[in-house]
Amino acid sequence: VQLQASGGGLVQAGGSLRLSCAASGRTFSSSGMGWFRQAPGKEREIVAAISASGSSTYYVDSVKGRFTISRDNDKNSVYLQMNSLKPEDTAVYYCAGGRPGYRTIILQRSSYGHWGQGTQVTVSS
């Protein structure tokens, strides 16, 4: 599976962005997916995760109520809608695909076997 993330950019605080991640490969719909982010000088952290079916989701506390993860298995895509953006959301955002057989919410970074190239999100104050 190859992942291609897009949709990042520069936005003012309070604004919105929608990240997209297009996946190639027939195993996309059989694995959980996630969005991670990495700010300068910080470790990569999970932001949101979604199960293979899309029926279950997870959000880190700092984005709850502002971000929404979704997926369209027919289009082999996963999305991250980001609203009410804050300067502390500034980071490079990565989409990640779970290893085969990982159909539920995946929180451990080591359980993701496929990574996109990252897209920069910058939120100005």
PDB file of N, CA and C in Angstrom:
ATOM      1  N   VAL A   1       0.842  -1.192   0.000  1.00  0.00           N
ATOM      2  CA  VAL A   1       0.000   0.000   0.000  1.00  0.00           C
ATOM      3  C   VAL A   1       0.876   1.241   0.000  1.00  0.00           C
ATOM      4  N   GLN A   2       0.584   2.139  -0.925  1.00  0.00           N
ATOM      5  CA  GLN A   2       1.276   3.423  -0.958  1.00  0.00           C
ATOM      6  C   GLN A   2       0.266   4.512  -0.612  1.00  0.00           C
ATOM      7  N   LEU A   3       0.701   5.483   0.181  1.00  0.00           N
ATOM      8  CA  LEU A   3      -0.178   6.536   0.668  1.00  0.00           C
ATOM      9  C   LEU A   3       0.315   7.895   0.190  1.00  0.00           C
ATOM     10  N   GLN A   4      -0.621   8.725  -0.239  1.00  0.00           N
ATOM     11  CA  GLN A   4      -0.297  10.066  -0.717  1.00  0.00           C
ATOM     12  C   GLN A   4      -1.189  11.057   0.010  1.00  0.00           C
ATOM     13  N   ALA A   5      -0.576  11.858   0.867  1.00  0.00           N
ATOM     14  CA  ALA A   5      -1.320  12.844   1.643  1.00  0.00           C
ATOM     15  C   ALA A   5      -1.309  14.193   0.934  1.00  0.00           C
ATOM     16  N   SER A   6      -2.392  14.934   1.108  1.00  0.00           N
ATOM     17  CA  SER A   6      -2.497  16.262   0.519  1.00  0.00           C
ATOM     18  C   SER A   6      -3.465  17.102   1.344  1.00  0.00           C
ATOM     19  N   GLY A   7      -3.493  18.407   1.043  1.00  0.00           N
ATOM     20  CA  GLY A   7      -4.470  19.279   1.673  1.00  0.00           C
ATOM     21  C   GLY A   7      -3.918  20.219   2.721  1.00  0.00           C
ATOM     22  N   GLY A   8      -2.648  20.101   3.022  1.00  0.00           N
ATOM     23  CA  GLY A   8      -2.067  21.002   3.998  1.00  0.00           C
ATOM     24  C   GLY A   8      -1.945  22.415   3.448  1.00  0.00           C
ATOM     25  N   GLY A   9      -1.562  23.327   4.328  1.00  0.00           N
ATOM     26  CA  GLY A   9      -1.387  24.709   3.898  1.00  0.00           C
ATOM     27  C   GLY A   9      -1.266  25.646   5.071  1.00  0.00           C
ATOM     28  N   LEU A  10      -1.359  26.935   4.765  1.00  0.00           N
ATOM     29  CA  LEU A  10      -1.283  27.991   5.770  1.00  0.00           C
ATOM     30  C   LEU A  10      -2.685  28.529   6.018  1.00  0.00           C
ATOM     31  N   VAL A  11      -3.068  28.597   7.268  1.00  0.00           N
ATOM     32  CA  VAL A  11      -4.406  29.070   7.619  1.00  0.00           C
ATOM     33  C   VAL A  11      -4.320  29.878   8.911  1.00  0.00           C
ATOM     34  N   GLN A  12      -5.218  30.825   9.052  1.00  0.00           N
ATOM     35  CA  GLN A  12      -5.257  31.609  10.290  1.00  0.00           C
ATOM     36  C   GLN A  12      -5.936  30.821  11.398  1.00  0.00           C
ATOM     37  N   ALA A  13      -5.603  31.159  12.611  1.00  0.00           N
ATOM     38  CA  ALA A  13      -6.253  30.521  13.761  1.00  0.00           C
ATOM     39  C   ALA A  13      -7.768  30.651  13.646  1.00  0.00           C
ATOM     40  N   GLY A  14      -8.450  29.572  13.947  1.00  0.00           N
ATOM     41  CA  GLY A  14      -9.899  29.534  13.804  1.00  0.00           C
ATOM     42  C   GLY A  14     -10.371  29.005  12.468  1.00  0.00           C
ATOM     43  N   GLY A  15      -9.458  28.869  11.532  1.00  0.00           N
ATOM     44  CA  GLY A  15      -9.804  28.391  10.208  1.00  0.00           C
ATOM     45  C   GLY A  15      -9.891  26.879  10.132  1.00  0.00           C
ATOM     46  N   SER A  16     -10.101  26.403   8.911  1.00  0.00           N
ATOM     47  CA  SER A  16     -10.288  24.972   8.677  1.00  0.00           C
ATOM     48  C   SER A  16      -9.434  24.489   7.510  1.00  0.00           C
ATOM     49  N   LEU A  17      -9.085  23.228   7.577  1.00  0.00           N
ATOM     50  CA  LEU A  17      -8.417  22.528   6.484  1.00  0.00           C
ATOM     51  C   LEU A  17      -8.942  21.107   6.442  1.00  0.00           C
ATOM     52  N   ARG A  18      -8.892  20.536   5.255  1.00  0.00           N
ATOM     53  CA  ARG A  18      -9.260  19.129   5.109  1.00  0.00           C
ATOM     54  C   ARG A  18      -8.101  18.392   4.458  1.00  0.00           C
ATOM     55  N   LEU A  19      -7.547  17.449   5.194  1.00  0.00           N
ATOM     56  CA  LEU A  19      -6.478  16.622   4.670  1.00  0.00           C
ATOM     57  C   LEU A  19      -7.064  15.379   4.027  1.00  0.00           C
ATOM     58  N   SER A  20      -6.431  14.965   2.947  1.00  0.00           N
ATOM     59  CA  SER A  20      -6.835  13.750   2.254  1.00  0.00           C
ATOM     60  C   SER A  20      -5.640  12.825   2.136  1.00  0.00           C
ATOM     61  N   CYS A  21      -5.931  11.548   2.121  1.00  0.00           N
ATOM     62  CA  CYS A  21      -4.881  10.546   1.950  1.00  0.00           C
ATOM     63  C   CYS A  21      -5.418   9.485   1.000  1.00  0.00           C
ATOM     64  N   ALA A  22      -4.796   9.415  -0.164  1.00  0.00           N
ATOM     65  CA  ALA A  22      -5.196   8.439  -1.165  1.00  0.00           C
ATOM     66  C   ALA A  22      -4.275   7.233  -1.084  1.00  0.00           C
ATOM     67  N   ALA A  23      -4.866   6.062  -1.082  1.00  0.00           N
ATOM     68  CA  ALA A  23      -4.096   4.835  -0.947  1.00  0.00           C
ATOM     69  C   ALA A  23      -4.215   3.990  -2.206  1.00  0.00           C
ATOM     70  N   SER A  24      -3.129   3.373  -2.542  1.00  0.00           N
ATOM     71  CA  SER A  24      -3.138   2.396  -3.630  1.00  0.00           C
ATOM     72  C   SER A  24      -3.043   1.012  -3.014  1.00  0.00           C
ATOM     73  N   GLY A  25      -3.540   0.036  -3.688  1.00  0.00           N
ATOM     74  CA  GLY A  25      -3.450  -1.314  -3.147  1.00  0.00           C
ATOM     75  C   GLY A  25      -4.790  -1.851  -2.718  1.00  0.00           C
ATOM     76  N   ARG A  26      -4.965  -3.131  -2.879  1.00  0.00           N
ATOM     77  CA  ARG A  26      -6.261  -3.747  -2.612  1.00  0.00           C
ATOM     78  C   ARG A  26      -6.526  -3.996  -1.144  1.00  0.00           C
ATOM     79  N   THR A  27      -5.520  -3.795  -0.279  1.00  0.00           N
ATOM     80  CA  THR A  27      -5.715  -4.104   1.137  1.00  0.00           C
ATOM     81  C   THR A  27      -6.168  -2.915   1.957  1.00  0.00           C
ATOM     82  N   PHE A  28      -6.436  -1.766   1.302  1.00  0.00           N
ATOM     83  CA  PHE A  28      -6.761  -0.557   2.049  1.00  0.00           C
ATOM     84  C   PHE A  28      -7.923  -0.765   2.987  1.00  0.00           C
ATOM     85  N   SER A  29      -9.003  -1.358   2.500  1.00  0.00           N
ATOM     86  CA  SER A  29     -10.217  -1.467   3.287  1.00  0.00           C
ATOM     87  C   SER A  29     -10.128  -2.509   4.400  1.00  0.00           C
ATOM     88  N   SER A  30      -9.046  -3.251   4.477  1.00  0.00           N
ATOM     89  CA  SER A  30      -8.925  -4.295   5.484  1.00  0.00           C
ATOM     90  C   SER A  30      -8.119  -3.860   6.710  1.00  0.00           C
ATOM     91  N   SER A  31      -7.695  -2.606   6.736  1.00  0.00           N
ATOM     92  CA  SER A  31      -6.840  -2.147   7.831  1.00  0.00           C
ATOM     93  C   SER A  31      -7.319  -0.830   8.414  1.00  0.00           C
ATOM     94  N   GLY A  32      -7.050  -0.668   9.713  1.00  0.00           N
ATOM     95  CA  GLY A  32      -7.289   0.628  10.314  1.00  0.00           C
ATOM     96  C   GLY A  32      -6.318   1.658   9.751  1.00  0.00           C
ATOM     97  N   MET A  33      -6.723   2.933   9.835  1.00  0.00           N
ATOM     98  CA  MET A  33      -5.904   4.020   9.341  1.00  0.00           C
ATOM     99  C   MET A  33      -5.750   5.074  10.428  1.00  0.00           C
ATOM    100  N   GLY A  34      -4.747   5.894  10.274  1.00  0.00           N
ATOM    101  CA  GLY A  34      -4.539   6.937  11.266  1.00  0.00           C
ATOM    102  C   GLY A  34      -3.885   8.168  10.680  1.00  0.00           C
ATOM    103  N   TRP A  35      -4.021   9.247  11.416  1.00  0.00           N
ATOM    104  CA  TRP A  35      -3.310  10.489  11.114  1.00  0.00           C
ATOM    105  C   TRP A  35      -2.400  10.798  12.291  1.00  0.00           C
ATOM    106  N   PHE A  36      -1.153  11.095  11.995  1.00  0.00           N
ATOM    107  CA  PHE A  36      -0.170  11.495  12.982  1.00  0.00           C
ATOM    108  C   PHE A  36       0.297  12.907  12.648  1.00  0.00           C
ATOM    109  N   ARG A  37       0.950  13.535  13.587  1.00  0.00           N
ATOM    110  CA  ARG A  37       1.584  14.819  13.308  1.00  0.00           C
ATOM    111  C   ARG A  37       2.890  14.931  14.079  1.00  0.00           C
ATOM    112  N   GLN A  38       3.782  15.732  13.515  1.00  0.00           N
ATOM    113  CA  GLN A  38       5.074  15.954  14.159  1.00  0.00           C
ATOM    114  C   GLN A  38       5.434  17.418  14.035  1.00  0.00           C
ATOM    115  N   ALA A  39       5.512  18.074  15.173  1.00  0.00           N
ATOM    116  CA  ALA A  39       5.928  19.470  15.232  1.00  0.00           C
ATOM    117  C   ALA A  39       7.444  19.537  15.410  1.00  0.00           C
ATOM    118  N   PRO A  40       8.066  20.637  15.023  1.00  0.00           N
ATOM    119  CA  PRO A  40       9.528  20.763  15.163  1.00  0.00           C
ATOM    120  C   PRO A  40       9.982  20.508  16.597  1.00  0.00           C
ATOM    121  N   GLY A  41      10.951  19.647  16.730  1.00  0.00           N
ATOM    122  CA  GLY A  41      11.509  19.351  18.042  1.00  0.00           C
ATOM    123  C   GLY A  41      10.682  18.427  18.907  1.00  0.00           C
ATOM    124  N   LYS A  42       9.592  17.917  18.341  1.00  0.00           N
ATOM    125  CA  LYS A  42       8.718  17.031  19.115  1.00  0.00           C
ATOM    126  C   LYS A  42       8.606  15.675  18.436  1.00  0.00           C
ATOM    127  N   GLU A  43       8.162  14.689  19.217  1.00  0.00           N
ATOM    128  CA  GLU A  43       7.975  13.361  18.661  1.00  0.00           C
ATOM    129  C   GLU A  43       6.672  13.309  17.855  1.00  0.00           C
ATOM    130  N   ARG A  44       6.638  12.363  16.937  1.00  0.00           N
ATOM    131  CA  ARG A  44       5.426  12.155  16.163  1.00  0.00           C
ATOM    132  C   ARG A  44       4.335  11.600  17.082  1.00  0.00           C
ATOM    133  N   GLU A  45       3.156  12.189  17.020  1.00  0.00           N
ATOM    134  CA  GLU A  45       2.064  11.757  17.875  1.00  0.00           C
ATOM    135  C   GLU A  45       0.842  11.419  17.036  1.00  0.00           C
ATOM    136  N   ILE A  46       0.052  10.488  17.557  1.00  0.00           N
ATOM    137  CA  ILE A  46      -1.184  10.150  16.869  1.00  0.00           C
ATOM    138  C   ILE A  46      -2.207  11.247  17.115  1.00  0.00           C
ATOM    139  N   VAL A  47      -2.944  11.596  16.079  1.00  0.00           N
ATOM    140  CA  VAL A  47      -3.983  12.613  16.170  1.00  0.00           C
ATOM    141  C   VAL A  47      -5.363  11.963  16.151  1.00  0.00           C
ATOM    142  N   ALA A  48      -5.552  11.047  15.226  1.00  0.00           N
ATOM    143  CA  ALA A  48      -6.846  10.384  15.080  1.00  0.00           C
ATOM    144  C   ALA A  48      -6.635   9.043  14.408  1.00  0.00           C
ATOM    145  N   ALA A  49      -7.570   8.135  14.670  1.00  0.00           N
ATOM    146  CA  ALA A  49      -7.500   6.807  14.061  1.00  0.00           C
ATOM    147  C   ALA A  49      -8.916   6.345  13.745  1.00  0.00           C
ATOM    148  N   ILE A  50      -9.009   5.468  12.758  1.00  0.00           N
ATOM    149  CA  ILE A  50     -10.310   4.958  12.346  1.00  0.00           C
ATOM    150  C   ILE A  50     -10.166   3.479  12.010  1.00  0.00           C
ATOM    151  N   SER A  51     -11.190   2.715  12.351  1.00  0.00           N
ATOM    152  CA  SER A  51     -11.154   1.283  12.089  1.00  0.00           C
ATOM    153  C   SER A  51     -11.337   1.001  10.592  1.00  0.00           C
ATOM    154  N   ALA A  52     -11.131  -0.242  10.217  1.00  0.00           N
ATOM    155  CA  ALA A  52     -11.221  -0.611   8.800  1.00  0.00           C
ATOM    156  C   ALA A  52     -12.601  -0.318   8.214  1.00  0.00           C
ATOM    157  N   SER A  53     -13.633  -0.560   8.990  1.00  0.00           N
ATOM    158  CA  SER A  53     -14.998  -0.333   8.504  1.00  0.00           C
ATOM    159  C   SER A  53     -15.419   1.124   8.603  1.00  0.00           C
ATOM    160  N   GLY A  54     -14.700   1.881   9.411  1.00  0.00           N
ATOM    161  CA  GLY A  54     -15.063   3.270   9.649  1.00  0.00           C
ATOM    162  C   GLY A  54     -16.032   3.468  10.788  1.00  0.00           C
ATOM    163  N   SER A  55     -16.406   2.389  11.451  1.00  0.00           N
ATOM    164  CA  SER A  55     -17.421   2.482  12.488  1.00  0.00           C
ATOM    165  C   SER A  55     -16.872   2.975  13.823  1.00  0.00           C
ATOM    166  N   SER A  56     -15.573   2.887  14.013  1.00  0.00           N
ATOM    167  CA  SER A  56     -14.947   3.323  15.269  1.00  0.00           C
ATOM    168  C   SER A  56     -13.861   4.342  14.979  1.00  0.00           C
ATOM    169  N   THR A  57     -13.807   5.350  15.868  1.00  0.00           N
ATOM    170  CA  THR A  57     -12.786   6.379  15.713  1.00  0.00           C
ATOM    171  C   THR A  57     -12.152   6.700  17.064  1.00  0.00           C
ATOM    172  N   TYR A  58     -10.993   7.296  16.989  1.00  0.00           N
ATOM    173  CA  TYR A  58     -10.252   7.733  18.186  1.00  0.00           C
ATOM    174  C   TYR A  58      -9.668   9.109  17.900  1.00  0.00           C
ATOM    175  N   TYR A  59      -9.641   9.952  18.939  1.00  0.00           N
ATOM    176  CA  TYR A  59      -9.013  11.273  18.825  1.00  0.00           C
ATOM    177  C   TYR A  59      -8.172  11.538  20.067  1.00  0.00           C
ATOM    178  N   VAL A  60      -7.042  12.136  19.871  1.00  0.00           N
ATOM    179  CA  VAL A  60      -6.254  12.609  21.003  1.00  0.00           C
ATOM    180  C   VAL A  60      -7.032  13.763  21.648  1.00  0.00           C
ATOM    181  N   ASP A  61      -6.908  13.908  22.933  1.00  0.00           N
ATOM    182  CA  ASP A  61      -7.724  14.883  23.668  1.00  0.00           C
ATOM    183  C   ASP A  61      -7.628  16.300  23.101  1.00  0.00           C
ATOM    184  N   SER A  62      -6.461  16.678  22.633  1.00  0.00           N
ATOM    185  CA  SER A  62      -6.255  18.055  22.193  1.00  0.00           C
ATOM    186  C   SER A  62      -7.030  18.427  20.931  1.00  0.00           C
ATOM    187  N   VAL A  63      -7.567  17.431  20.206  1.00  0.00           N
ATOM    188  CA  VAL A  63      -8.299  17.734  18.972  1.00  0.00           C
ATOM    189  C   VAL A  63      -9.761  17.325  19.040  1.00  0.00           C
ATOM    190  N   LYS A  64     -10.162  16.709  20.129  1.00  0.00           N
ATOM    191  CA  LYS A  64     -11.558  16.275  20.261  1.00  0.00           C
ATOM    192  C   LYS A  64     -12.507  17.461  20.100  1.00  0.00           C
ATOM    193  N   GLY A  65     -13.535  17.243  19.297  1.00  0.00           N
ATOM    194  CA  GLY A  65     -14.512  18.281  19.049  1.00  0.00           C
ATOM    195  C   GLY A  65     -14.127  19.237  17.942  1.00  0.00           C
ATOM    196  N   ARG A  66     -12.895  19.139  17.460  1.00  0.00           N
ATOM    197  CA  ARG A  66     -12.433  20.037  16.389  1.00  0.00           C
ATOM    198  C   ARG A  66     -12.084  19.273  15.116  1.00  0.00           C
ATOM    199  N   PHE A  67     -11.544  18.063  15.263  1.00  0.00           N
ATOM    200  CA  PHE A  67     -11.112  17.273  14.116  1.00  0.00           C
ATOM    201  C   PHE A  67     -12.063  16.093  13.921  1.00  0.00           C
ATOM    202  N   THR A  68     -12.226  15.693  12.663  1.00  0.00           N
ATOM    203  CA  THR A  68     -13.027  14.521  12.339  1.00  0.00           C
ATOM    204  C   THR A  68     -12.292  13.674  11.312  1.00  0.00           C
ATOM    205  N   ILE A  69     -12.102  12.411  11.656  1.00  0.00           N
ATOM    206  CA  ILE A  69     -11.491  11.474  10.724  1.00  0.00           C
ATOM    207  C   ILE A  69     -12.599  10.666  10.058  1.00  0.00           C
ATOM    208  N   SER A  70     -12.420  10.400   8.771  1.00  0.00           N
ATOM    209  CA  SER A  70     -13.400   9.598   8.034  1.00  0.00           C
ATOM    210  C   SER A  70     -12.666   8.852   6.934  1.00  0.00           C
ATOM    211  N   ARG A  71     -13.348   7.901   6.349  1.00  0.00           N
ATOM    212  CA  ARG A  71     -12.746   7.154   5.256  1.00  0.00           C
ATOM    213  C   ARG A  71     -13.811   6.778   4.246  1.00  0.00           C
ATOM    214  N   ASP A  72     -13.385   6.597   3.021  1.00  0.00           N
ATOM    215  CA  ASP A  72     -14.245   6.137   1.944  1.00  0.00           C
ATOM    216  C   ASP A  72     -13.520   4.956   1.310  1.00  0.00           C
ATOM    217  N   ASN A  73     -13.937   3.762   1.665  1.00  0.00           N
ATOM    218  CA  ASN A  73     -13.240   2.570   1.171  1.00  0.00           C
ATOM    219  C   ASN A  73     -13.439   2.367  -0.329  1.00  0.00           C
ATOM    220  N   ASP A  74     -14.513   2.892  -0.874  1.00  0.00           N
ATOM    221  CA  ASP A  74     -14.710   2.791  -2.327  1.00  0.00           C
ATOM    222  C   ASP A  74     -13.696   3.636  -3.084  1.00  0.00           C
ATOM    223  N   LYS A  75     -13.248   4.698  -2.441  1.00  0.00           N
ATOM    224  CA  LYS A  75     -12.272   5.602  -3.066  1.00  0.00           C
ATOM    225  C   LYS A  75     -10.868   5.407  -2.511  1.00  0.00           C
ATOM    226  N   ASN A  76     -10.715   4.393  -1.632  1.00  0.00           N
ATOM    227  CA  ASN A  76      -9.397   4.132  -1.038  1.00  0.00           C
ATOM    228  C   ASN A  76      -8.799   5.395  -0.427  1.00  0.00           C
ATOM    229  N   SER A  77      -9.606   6.094   0.314  1.00  0.00           N
ATOM    230  CA  SER A  77      -9.160   7.373   0.865  1.00  0.00           C
ATOM    231  C   SER A  77      -9.563   7.532   2.327  1.00  0.00           C
ATOM    232  N   VAL A  78      -8.749   8.273   3.037  1.00  0.00           N
ATOM    233  CA  VAL A  78      -9.055   8.649   4.416  1.00  0.00           C
ATOM    234  C   VAL A  78      -8.869  10.157   4.520  1.00  0.00           C
ATOM    235  N   TYR A  79      -9.675  10.775   5.359  1.00  0.00           N
ATOM    236  CA  TYR A  79      -9.702  12.229   5.449  1.00  0.00           C
ATOM    237  C   TYR A  79      -9.557  12.681   6.898  1.00  0.00           C
ATOM    238  N   LEU A  80      -9.080  13.912   7.050  1.00  0.00           N
ATOM    239  CA  LEU A  80      -9.051  14.536   8.363  1.00  0.00           C
ATOM    240  C   LEU A  80      -9.564  15.955   8.208  1.00  0.00           C
ATOM    241  N   GLN A  81     -10.783  16.187   8.667  1.00  0.00           N
ATOM    242  CA  GLN A  81     -11.359  17.525   8.662  1.00  0.00           C
ATOM    243  C   GLN A  81     -10.925  18.230   9.931  1.00  0.00           C
ATOM    244  N   MET A  82     -10.277  19.356   9.779  1.00  0.00           N
ATOM    245  CA  MET A  82      -9.733  20.089  10.919  1.00  0.00           C
ATOM    246  C   MET A  82     -10.397  21.459  10.995  1.00  0.00           C
ATOM    247  N   ASN A  83     -11.140  21.687  12.049  1.00  0.00           N
ATOM    248  CA  ASN A  83     -11.827  22.956  12.267  1.00  0.00           C
ATOM    249  C   ASN A  83     -11.259  23.653  13.500  1.00  0.00           C
ATOM    250  N   SER A  84     -11.544  24.928  13.622  1.00  0.00           N
ATOM    251  CA  SER A  84     -11.105  25.719  14.783  1.00  0.00           C
ATOM    252  C   SER A  84      -9.622  25.512  15.046  1.00  0.00           C
ATOM    253  N   LEU A  85      -8.855  25.611  14.009  1.00  0.00           N
ATOM    254  CA  LEU A  85      -7.421  25.341  14.119  1.00  0.00           C
ATOM    255  C   LEU A  85      -6.732  26.344  15.035  1.00  0.00           C
ATOM    256  N   LYS A  86      -5.730  25.851  15.735  1.00  0.00           N
ATOM    257  CA  LYS A  86      -4.952  26.645  16.681  1.00  0.00           C
ATOM    258  C   LYS A  86      -3.479  26.634  16.260  1.00  0.00           C
ATOM    259  N   PRO A  87      -2.729  27.633  16.654  1.00  0.00           N
ATOM    260  CA  PRO A  87      -1.296  27.635  16.316  1.00  0.00           C
ATOM    261  C   PRO A  87      -0.576  26.369  16.764  1.00  0.00           C
ATOM    262  N   GLU A  88      -1.009  25.790  17.868  1.00  0.00           N
ATOM    263  CA  GLU A  88      -0.355  24.571  18.353  1.00  0.00           C
ATOM    264  C   GLU A  88      -0.670  23.350  17.495  1.00  0.00           C
ATOM    265  N   ASP A  89      -1.561  23.492  16.522  1.00  0.00           N
ATOM    266  CA  ASP A  89      -1.805  22.408  15.570  1.00  0.00           C
ATOM    267  C   ASP A  89      -0.768  22.395  14.448  1.00  0.00           C
ATOM    268  N   THR A  90       0.072  23.399  14.404  1.00  0.00           N
ATOM    269  CA  THR A  90       1.100  23.481  13.363  1.00  0.00           C
ATOM    270  C   THR A  90       2.037  22.283  13.447  1.00  0.00           C
ATOM    271  N   ALA A  91       2.174  21.575  12.336  1.00  0.00           N
ATOM    272  CA  ALA A  91       2.993  20.370  12.296  1.00  0.00           C
ATOM    273  C   ALA A  91       2.963  19.801  10.877  1.00  0.00           C
ATOM    274  N   VAL A  92       3.796  18.825  10.651  1.00  0.00           N
ATOM    275  CA  VAL A  92       3.681  18.003   9.455  1.00  0.00           C
ATOM    276  C   VAL A  92       2.751  16.849   9.804  1.00  0.00           C
ATOM    277  N   TYR A  93       1.736  16.670   8.986  1.00  0.00           N
ATOM    278  CA  TYR A  93       0.738  15.630   9.231  1.00  0.00           C
ATOM    279  C   TYR A  93       0.989  14.449   8.289  1.00  0.00           C
ATOM    280  N   TYR A  94       0.935  13.255   8.867  1.00  0.00           N
ATOM    281  CA  TYR A  94       1.172  12.032   8.130  1.00  0.00           C
ATOM    282  C   TYR A  94      -0.038  11.114   8.227  1.00  0.00           C
ATOM    283  N   CYS A  95      -0.412  10.512   7.117  1.00  0.00           N
ATOM    284  CA  CYS A  95      -1.397   9.441   7.190  1.00  0.00           C
ATOM    285  C   CYS A  95      -0.648   8.119   7.263  1.00  0.00           C
ATOM    286  N   ALA A  96      -1.273   7.164   7.897  1.00  0.00           N
ATOM    287  CA  ALA A  96      -0.634   5.869   8.105  1.00  0.00           C
ATOM    288  C   ALA A  96      -1.659   4.756   7.973  1.00  0.00           C
ATOM    289  N   GLY A  97      -1.212   3.631   7.416  1.00  0.00           N
ATOM    290  CA  GLY A  97      -2.065   2.470   7.234  1.00  0.00           C
ATOM    291  C   GLY A  97      -1.604   1.317   8.105  1.00  0.00           C
ATOM    292  N   GLY A  98      -2.567   0.656   8.717  1.00  0.00           N
ATOM    293  CA  GLY A  98      -2.244  -0.442   9.585  1.00  0.00           C
ATOM    294  C   GLY A  98      -1.705  -1.650   8.845  1.00  0.00           C
ATOM    295  N   ARG A  99      -0.994  -2.480   9.562  1.00  0.00           N
ATOM    296  CA  ARG A  99      -0.488  -3.721   8.977  1.00  0.00           C
ATOM    297  C   ARG A  99      -1.662  -4.643   8.671  1.00  0.00           C
ATOM    298  N   PRO A 100      -1.512  -5.561   7.715  1.00  0.00           N
ATOM    299  CA  PRO A 100      -2.622  -6.474   7.383  1.00  0.00           C
ATOM    300  C   PRO A 100      -3.164  -7.183   8.605  1.00  0.00           C
ATOM    301  N   GLY A 101      -4.472  -7.219   8.691  1.00  0.00           N
ATOM    302  CA  GLY A 101      -5.112  -7.890   9.813  1.00  0.00           C
ATOM    303  C   GLY A 101      -5.460  -6.971  10.968  1.00  0.00           C
ATOM    304  N   TYR A 102      -4.936  -5.770  10.976  1.00  0.00           N
ATOM    305  CA  TYR A 102      -5.244  -4.815  12.039  1.00  0.00           C
ATOM    306  C   TYR A 102      -6.489  -4.033  11.631  1.00  0.00           C
ATOM    307  N   ARG A 103      -7.654  -4.549  11.936  1.00  0.00           N
ATOM    308  CA  ARG A 103      -8.898  -3.957  11.472  1.00  0.00           C
ATOM    309  C   ARG A 103      -9.489  -2.953  12.457  1.00  0.00           C
ATOM    310  N   THR A 104      -9.058  -2.974  13.684  1.00  0.00           N
ATOM    311  CA  THR A 104      -9.649  -2.092  14.688  1.00  0.00           C
ATOM    312  C   THR A 104      -8.865  -0.792  14.790  1.00  0.00           C
ATOM    313  N   ILE A 105      -9.219   0.013  15.781  1.00  0.00           N
ATOM    314  CA  ILE A 105      -8.473   1.239  16.050  1.00  0.00           C
ATOM    315  C   ILE A 105      -7.025   0.878  16.389  1.00  0.00           C
ATOM    316  N   ILE A 106      -6.104   1.536  15.768  1.00  0.00           N
ATOM    317  CA  ILE A 106      -4.680   1.277  16.006  1.00  0.00           C
ATOM    318  C   ILE A 106      -4.063   2.504  16.649  1.00  0.00           C
ATOM    319  N   LEU A 107      -3.561   2.335  17.851  1.00  0.00           N
ATOM    320  CA  LEU A 107      -2.954   3.452  18.555  1.00  0.00           C
ATOM    321  C   LEU A 107      -1.425   3.383  18.563  1.00  0.00           C
ATOM    322  N   GLN A 108      -0.891   2.176  18.465  1.00  0.00           N
ATOM    323  CA  GLN A 108       0.555   2.027  18.524  1.00  0.00           C
ATOM    324  C   GLN A 108       1.182   2.359  17.184  1.00  0.00           C
ATOM    325  N   ARG A 109       2.139   3.236  17.222  1.00  0.00           N
ATOM    326  CA  ARG A 109       2.812   3.637  15.989  1.00  0.00           C
ATOM    327  C   ARG A 109       3.454   2.440  15.299  1.00  0.00           C
ATOM    328  N   SER A 110       3.954   1.482  16.064  1.00  0.00           N
ATOM    329  CA  SER A 110       4.646   0.321  15.497  1.00  0.00           C
ATOM    330  C   SER A 110       3.708  -0.607  14.740  1.00  0.00           C
ATOM    331  N   SER A 111       2.411  -0.456  14.948  1.00  0.00           N
ATOM    332  CA  SER A 111       1.436  -1.306  14.258  1.00  0.00           C
ATOM    333  C   SER A 111       1.027  -0.739  12.902  1.00  0.00           C
ATOM    334  N   TYR A 112       1.557   0.411  12.571  1.00  0.00           N
ATOM    335  CA  TYR A 112       1.320   0.973  11.245  1.00  0.00           C
ATOM    336  C   TYR A 112       2.482   0.576  10.329  1.00  0.00           C
ATOM    337  N   GLY A 113       2.133  -0.004   9.201  1.00  0.00           N
ATOM    338  CA  GLY A 113       3.167  -0.489   8.293  1.00  0.00           C
ATOM    339  C   GLY A 113       3.380   0.365   7.070  1.00  0.00           C
ATOM    340  N   HIS A 114       2.495   1.353   6.868  1.00  0.00           N
ATOM    341  CA  HIS A 114       2.586   2.174   5.670  1.00  0.00           C
ATOM    342  C   HIS A 114       2.412   3.642   6.051  1.00  0.00           C
ATOM    343  N   TRP A 115       3.245   4.491   5.478  1.00  0.00           N
ATOM    344  CA  TRP A 115       3.228   5.911   5.812  1.00  0.00           C
ATOM    345  C   TRP A 115       3.213   6.767   4.550  1.00  0.00           C
ATOM    346  N   GLY A 116       2.443   7.841   4.596  1.00  0.00           N
ATOM    347  CA  GLY A 116       2.475   8.828   3.533  1.00  0.00           C
ATOM    348  C   GLY A 116       3.666   9.752   3.714  1.00  0.00           C
ATOM    349  N   GLN A 117       3.824  10.672   2.782  1.00  0.00           N
ATOM    350  CA  GLN A 117       5.008  11.521   2.769  1.00  0.00           C
ATOM    351  C   GLN A 117       4.882  12.735   3.696  1.00  0.00           C
ATOM    352  N   GLY A 118       3.702  13.002   4.211  1.00  0.00           N
ATOM    353  CA  GLY A 118       3.534  14.148   5.099  1.00  0.00           C
ATOM    354  C   GLY A 118       3.091  15.386   4.351  1.00  0.00           C
ATOM    355  N   THR A 119       2.254  16.172   5.008  1.00  0.00           N
ATOM    356  CA  THR A 119       1.808  17.445   4.447  1.00  0.00           C
ATOM    357  C   THR A 119       1.859  18.501   5.555  1.00  0.00           C
ATOM    358  N   GLN A 120       2.396  19.657   5.239  1.00  0.00           N
ATOM    359  CA  GLN A 120       2.616  20.693   6.235  1.00  0.00           C
ATOM    360  C   GLN A 120       1.332  21.469   6.504  1.00  0.00           C
ATOM    361  N   VAL A 121       1.020  21.610   7.781  1.00  0.00           N
ATOM    362  CA  VAL A 121      -0.086  22.457   8.229  1.00  0.00           C
ATOM    363  C   VAL A 121       0.496  23.546   9.111  1.00  0.00           C
ATOM    364  N   THR A 122       0.259  24.786   8.735  1.00  0.00           N
ATOM    365  CA  THR A 122       0.753  25.919   9.508  1.00  0.00           C
ATOM    366  C   THR A 122      -0.420  26.811   9.877  1.00  0.00           C
ATOM    367  N   VAL A 123      -0.575  27.049  11.178  1.00  0.00           N
ATOM    368  CA  VAL A 123      -1.675  27.870  11.667  1.00  0.00           C
ATOM    369  C   VAL A 123      -1.075  29.132  12.276  1.00  0.00           C
ATOM    370  N   SER A 124      -1.424  30.263  11.706  1.00  0.00           N
ATOM    371  CA  SER A 124      -0.892  31.531  12.199  1.00  0.00           C
ATOM    372  C   SER A 124      -1.842  32.140  13.225  1.00  0.00           C
ATOM    373  N   SER A 125      -1.242  32.855  14.171  1.00  0.00           N
ATOM    374  CA  SER A 125      -2.055  33.461  15.240  1.00  0.00           C
ATOM    375  C   SER A 125      -2.543  34.847  14.849  1.00  0.00           C
TER     376      SER A 125
END
